[in-house]
N, C-alpha and C. Protein backbone atom coordinates (compact mmCIF):
# COMPACT_ATOMS: atom_id res chain seq x y z
N MET A 1 107.71 126.08 84.49
CA MET A 1 107.30 124.76 85.05
C MET A 1 108.54 124.07 85.55
N TYR A 2 108.36 122.88 86.03
CA TYR A 2 109.35 122.09 86.69
C TYR A 2 109.89 121.07 85.66
N ASP A 3 111.17 120.80 85.69
CA ASP A 3 111.77 119.74 84.93
C ASP A 3 111.71 118.47 85.74
N LEU A 4 111.39 117.37 85.10
CA LEU A 4 111.28 116.15 85.75
C LEU A 4 112.19 115.08 85.12
N ASP A 5 113.17 114.64 85.83
CA ASP A 5 114.04 113.61 85.29
C ASP A 5 113.58 112.23 85.76
N LEU A 6 113.44 111.30 84.83
CA LEU A 6 113.08 109.94 85.24
C LEU A 6 114.27 108.99 84.97
N PHE A 7 114.52 108.13 85.94
CA PHE A 7 115.64 107.19 85.83
C PHE A 7 115.02 105.73 85.89
N PHE A 8 115.42 105.03 84.85
CA PHE A 8 114.91 103.65 84.78
C PHE A 8 116.09 102.72 84.85
N SER A 9 115.92 101.59 85.54
CA SER A 9 116.88 100.60 85.65
C SER A 9 116.68 99.73 84.40
N SER A 10 117.83 99.54 83.67
CA SER A 10 117.74 98.77 82.42
C SER A 10 118.08 97.30 82.67
N PRO A 11 117.08 96.43 82.42
CA PRO A 11 117.37 94.99 82.66
C PRO A 11 118.61 94.50 81.86
N GLU A 12 118.91 95.13 80.76
CA GLU A 12 120.08 94.69 79.96
C GLU A 12 121.35 94.87 80.67
N LYS A 13 121.41 95.87 81.62
CA LYS A 13 122.61 96.20 82.34
C LYS A 13 122.77 95.32 83.60
N LYS A 14 121.77 94.62 83.94
CA LYS A 14 121.82 93.79 85.12
C LYS A 14 122.22 92.41 84.80
N SER A 15 122.54 91.63 85.77
CA SER A 15 122.83 90.24 85.53
C SER A 15 121.67 89.50 84.87
N LYS A 16 121.92 88.62 83.91
CA LYS A 16 120.92 87.92 83.22
C LYS A 16 120.24 86.96 84.17
N LYS A 17 120.70 86.76 85.40
CA LYS A 17 120.12 85.89 86.32
C LYS A 17 119.23 86.57 87.34
N THR A 18 119.14 87.92 87.28
CA THR A 18 118.41 88.75 88.22
C THR A 18 116.90 88.78 87.93
N GLN A 19 116.09 88.54 88.89
CA GLN A 19 114.63 88.64 88.81
C GLN A 19 114.27 90.02 89.39
N PHE A 20 113.36 90.68 88.78
CA PHE A 20 112.81 91.98 89.27
C PHE A 20 111.33 91.69 89.76
N GLN A 21 110.99 92.36 90.85
CA GLN A 21 109.72 92.19 91.40
C GLN A 21 109.33 93.55 92.12
N CYS A 22 108.12 94.02 91.78
CA CYS A 22 107.70 95.25 92.38
C CYS A 22 106.15 95.13 92.64
N TYR A 23 105.71 96.06 93.49
CA TYR A 23 104.32 96.09 93.88
C TYR A 23 103.72 97.41 93.61
N GLY A 24 102.48 97.47 93.21
CA GLY A 24 101.73 98.71 93.08
C GLY A 24 100.52 98.65 93.99
N ILE A 25 100.28 99.74 94.70
CA ILE A 25 99.15 99.79 95.66
C ILE A 25 98.20 100.93 95.19
N ASP A 26 96.95 100.58 95.05
CA ASP A 26 95.99 101.57 94.79
C ASP A 26 95.23 101.80 96.06
N LEU A 27 95.47 102.95 96.71
CA LEU A 27 94.75 103.26 97.91
C LEU A 27 93.60 104.16 97.59
N GLY A 28 92.45 103.58 97.53
CA GLY A 28 91.23 104.33 97.26
C GLY A 28 90.43 104.68 98.51
N THR A 29 89.54 105.64 98.39
CA THR A 29 88.76 106.04 99.60
C THR A 29 87.69 105.01 99.90
N THR A 30 87.27 104.16 98.94
CA THR A 30 86.29 103.14 99.15
C THR A 30 86.94 101.75 99.20
N ASN A 31 87.76 101.41 98.22
CA ASN A 31 88.45 100.06 98.20
C ASN A 31 89.90 100.33 97.75
N SER A 32 90.69 99.35 98.09
CA SER A 32 92.06 99.38 97.73
C SER A 32 92.46 98.02 97.17
N THR A 33 93.62 97.95 96.49
CA THR A 33 94.07 96.72 95.96
C THR A 33 95.55 96.75 95.78
N VAL A 34 96.19 95.57 95.63
CA VAL A 34 97.65 95.46 95.43
C VAL A 34 97.95 94.59 94.27
N ALA A 35 98.87 95.06 93.37
CA ALA A 35 99.28 94.30 92.21
C ALA A 35 100.79 94.01 92.32
N GLU A 36 101.15 92.88 91.75
CA GLU A 36 102.53 92.40 91.84
C GLU A 36 103.02 92.22 90.41
N ILE A 37 104.13 92.75 90.02
CA ILE A 37 104.71 92.56 88.69
C ILE A 37 106.06 91.82 88.86
N VAL A 38 106.28 90.79 88.18
CA VAL A 38 107.50 90.05 88.24
C VAL A 38 108.08 89.92 86.83
N TRP A 39 109.40 90.17 86.72
CA TRP A 39 110.08 89.97 85.44
C TRP A 39 111.23 88.95 85.75
N ARG A 40 111.18 87.88 85.00
CA ARG A 40 112.24 86.85 85.05
C ARG A 40 113.01 86.92 83.77
N PRO A 41 114.34 86.78 83.82
CA PRO A 41 115.16 86.93 82.62
C PRO A 41 114.74 85.94 81.52
N GLU A 42 114.15 84.77 81.88
CA GLU A 42 113.88 83.80 80.88
C GLU A 42 112.44 83.97 80.24
N GLY A 43 111.71 85.01 80.69
CA GLY A 43 110.39 85.16 80.20
C GLY A 43 109.88 86.53 80.15
N LYS A 44 108.64 86.75 79.82
CA LYS A 44 107.98 88.01 79.81
C LYS A 44 107.54 88.42 81.22
N PRO A 45 107.42 89.73 81.42
CA PRO A 45 106.82 90.16 82.75
C PRO A 45 105.48 89.63 82.94
N SER A 46 105.15 89.31 84.23
CA SER A 46 103.83 88.88 84.60
C SER A 46 103.28 89.84 85.61
N CYS A 47 101.99 90.02 85.53
CA CYS A 47 101.27 90.93 86.52
C CYS A 47 100.05 90.21 87.07
N ARG A 48 99.86 90.33 88.33
CA ARG A 48 98.63 89.75 88.96
C ARG A 48 98.21 90.62 90.15
N ILE A 49 96.90 90.57 90.38
CA ILE A 49 96.36 91.21 91.51
C ILE A 49 96.46 90.27 92.73
N LEU A 50 96.94 90.70 93.77
CA LEU A 50 97.12 89.78 94.97
C LEU A 50 95.79 89.71 95.74
N GLU A 51 95.59 88.52 96.21
CA GLU A 51 94.45 88.21 97.17
C GLU A 51 95.03 88.37 98.52
N ILE A 52 94.40 89.20 99.35
CA ILE A 52 94.84 89.47 100.68
C ILE A 52 93.92 88.91 101.74
N ASP A 53 94.55 88.25 102.77
CA ASP A 53 93.74 87.72 103.85
C ASP A 53 93.35 88.89 104.75
N GLN A 54 92.03 88.84 105.16
CA GLN A 54 91.51 89.97 105.99
C GLN A 54 90.82 89.28 107.20
N ALA A 55 91.17 89.70 108.33
CA ALA A 55 90.47 89.10 109.52
C ALA A 55 89.07 89.60 109.69
N THR A 56 88.22 88.77 110.05
CA THR A 56 86.80 89.15 110.32
C THR A 56 86.39 88.39 111.67
N GLN A 57 85.26 88.71 112.24
CA GLN A 57 84.88 87.97 113.41
C GLN A 57 84.40 86.53 113.00
N GLN A 58 84.06 86.34 111.80
CA GLN A 58 83.66 85.02 111.32
C GLN A 58 84.86 84.17 110.82
N GLY A 59 86.02 84.76 110.85
CA GLY A 59 87.22 84.01 110.40
C GLY A 59 87.93 84.80 109.23
N GLN A 60 88.82 84.15 108.59
CA GLN A 60 89.57 84.80 107.52
C GLN A 60 88.75 85.00 106.25
N TYR A 61 88.85 86.14 105.66
CA TYR A 61 88.21 86.54 104.38
C TYR A 61 89.31 86.85 103.42
N THR A 62 89.36 86.19 102.21
CA THR A 62 90.37 86.52 101.25
C THR A 62 89.79 87.04 100.03
N SER A 63 90.34 88.14 99.54
CA SER A 63 89.80 88.88 98.34
C SER A 63 90.89 89.76 97.77
N PRO A 64 90.85 90.04 96.48
CA PRO A 64 91.76 91.06 95.88
C PRO A 64 91.22 92.47 96.16
N LEU A 65 90.04 92.62 96.57
CA LEU A 65 89.44 93.92 96.87
C LEU A 65 89.47 94.16 98.35
N ILE A 66 90.14 95.16 98.82
CA ILE A 66 90.24 95.44 100.27
C ILE A 66 89.52 96.68 100.55
N PRO A 67 88.39 96.62 101.34
CA PRO A 67 87.72 97.86 101.76
C PRO A 67 88.70 98.75 102.46
N SER A 68 88.67 100.05 102.19
CA SER A 68 89.57 101.02 102.74
C SER A 68 89.06 101.50 104.11
N VAL A 69 89.08 100.57 105.07
CA VAL A 69 88.66 100.77 106.38
C VAL A 69 89.67 100.24 107.38
N VAL A 70 89.97 100.97 108.45
CA VAL A 70 90.94 100.58 109.44
C VAL A 70 90.26 100.70 110.79
N ALA A 71 90.34 99.64 111.60
CA ALA A 71 89.79 99.66 112.97
C ALA A 71 90.92 99.29 113.97
N ILE A 72 91.16 100.12 114.98
CA ILE A 72 92.11 99.87 116.06
C ILE A 72 91.29 99.48 117.23
N LEU A 73 91.27 98.24 117.59
CA LEU A 73 90.45 97.77 118.69
C LEU A 73 91.03 98.04 120.00
N PRO A 74 90.26 98.10 121.12
CA PRO A 74 90.74 98.41 122.42
C PRO A 74 91.92 97.56 122.88
N ASP A 75 92.04 96.36 122.30
CA ASP A 75 93.18 95.42 122.76
C ASP A 75 94.38 95.67 121.84
N ASP A 76 94.39 96.80 121.09
CA ASP A 76 95.47 97.22 120.18
C ASP A 76 95.61 96.33 118.93
N LYS A 77 94.67 95.40 118.70
CA LYS A 77 94.72 94.71 117.45
C LYS A 77 94.18 95.66 116.31
N VAL A 78 94.76 95.53 115.19
CA VAL A 78 94.41 96.38 114.06
C VAL A 78 93.81 95.51 113.00
N TRP A 79 92.53 95.86 112.59
CA TRP A 79 91.85 95.19 111.49
C TRP A 79 91.80 96.08 110.34
N VAL A 80 92.24 95.61 109.19
CA VAL A 80 92.23 96.40 108.00
C VAL A 80 91.35 95.58 106.95
N GLY A 81 90.44 96.31 106.30
CA GLY A 81 89.69 95.64 105.22
C GLY A 81 88.29 95.14 105.66
N GLU A 82 87.95 93.97 105.16
CA GLU A 82 86.54 93.47 105.40
C GLU A 82 86.14 93.40 106.86
N GLY A 83 86.96 92.93 107.71
CA GLY A 83 86.60 92.82 109.11
C GLY A 83 86.31 94.20 109.74
N ALA A 84 87.16 95.21 109.37
CA ALA A 84 86.97 96.54 109.91
C ALA A 84 85.65 97.13 109.30
N LYS A 85 85.47 96.87 107.95
CA LYS A 85 84.21 97.34 107.42
C LYS A 85 82.96 96.76 108.09
N ARG A 86 82.99 95.48 108.47
CA ARG A 86 81.83 94.93 109.10
C ARG A 86 81.61 95.52 110.49
N LEU A 87 82.67 95.97 111.14
CA LEU A 87 82.49 96.59 112.47
C LEU A 87 81.87 97.96 112.44
N ARG A 88 81.79 98.56 111.21
CA ARG A 88 81.19 99.90 111.13
C ARG A 88 79.69 99.80 111.44
N THR A 89 79.06 98.63 111.28
CA THR A 89 77.60 98.50 111.55
C THR A 89 77.25 98.58 113.04
N ARG A 90 78.26 98.21 113.86
CA ARG A 90 78.03 98.30 115.36
C ARG A 90 79.31 98.74 116.07
N PRO A 91 79.79 99.95 115.80
CA PRO A 91 81.04 100.38 116.36
C PRO A 91 81.08 100.43 117.87
N GLN A 92 79.86 100.71 118.54
CA GLN A 92 79.85 100.86 120.02
C GLN A 92 80.21 99.50 120.64
N GLU A 93 79.77 98.43 120.08
CA GLU A 93 80.05 97.08 120.66
C GLU A 93 81.53 96.73 120.71
N ALA A 94 82.26 97.31 119.71
CA ALA A 94 83.68 97.04 119.62
C ALA A 94 84.48 98.17 120.25
N GLY A 95 83.82 99.17 120.81
CA GLY A 95 84.53 100.31 121.43
C GLY A 95 85.25 101.25 120.41
N LEU A 96 84.54 101.41 119.21
CA LEU A 96 85.15 102.24 118.15
C LEU A 96 84.45 103.58 117.97
N LEU A 97 85.23 104.58 117.67
CA LEU A 97 84.73 105.93 117.42
C LEU A 97 85.24 106.40 116.08
N PHE A 98 84.39 106.91 115.25
CA PHE A 98 84.78 107.35 113.91
C PHE A 98 85.93 108.48 113.98
N GLU A 99 86.98 108.20 113.25
CA GLU A 99 88.10 109.08 113.15
C GLU A 99 88.95 109.21 114.50
N LYS A 100 88.66 108.32 115.38
CA LYS A 100 89.55 108.13 116.59
C LYS A 100 90.24 106.81 116.53
N ASN A 101 89.44 105.76 116.37
CA ASN A 101 90.04 104.43 116.12
C ASN A 101 89.33 103.64 115.12
N LEU A 102 88.51 104.29 114.32
CA LEU A 102 87.82 103.68 113.14
C LEU A 102 87.90 104.74 112.04
N PHE A 103 88.57 104.28 110.98
CA PHE A 103 88.76 105.18 109.87
C PHE A 103 88.32 104.70 108.56
N TYR A 104 87.49 105.52 107.85
CA TYR A 104 86.98 105.16 106.47
C TYR A 104 86.51 106.39 105.86
N GLU A 105 86.43 106.37 104.55
CA GLU A 105 85.98 107.58 103.79
C GLU A 105 86.76 108.85 104.25
N THR A 106 88.01 108.69 104.49
CA THR A 106 88.88 109.82 104.89
C THR A 106 89.43 110.43 103.63
N LYS A 107 89.15 111.65 103.41
CA LYS A 107 89.55 112.34 102.20
C LYS A 107 90.67 113.32 102.48
N LYS A 108 91.40 113.61 101.39
CA LYS A 108 92.41 114.71 101.55
C LYS A 108 91.74 115.99 101.79
N GLY A 109 92.27 116.83 102.69
CA GLY A 109 91.65 118.06 103.04
C GLY A 109 92.32 119.20 102.41
N TYR A 110 92.34 119.25 101.02
CA TYR A 110 92.82 120.53 100.49
C TYR A 110 91.83 121.18 99.60
């Protein structure tokens, strides 16, 4: 088998004034989400799911759950999430073709 070496940054070795921040992204075939973890020297780590603004024809839609849909419109605007999901119901009106400029339910092909 393979050996795997993991390297961790130790907060004790860093300046006591340093804040650590990282993001985790779950890219699902149906929905996706983003989490943020923040560690401040004076407190415990905090974790939260981020709410993401998603453009729709009706205006901005904000949610921590992002539909895993991408639409590249003829004017080169890219919609990701709820707005792109709503365009799936009438792709011809928006000039969209599945797996050309409208992507969803795309699975790994192995």
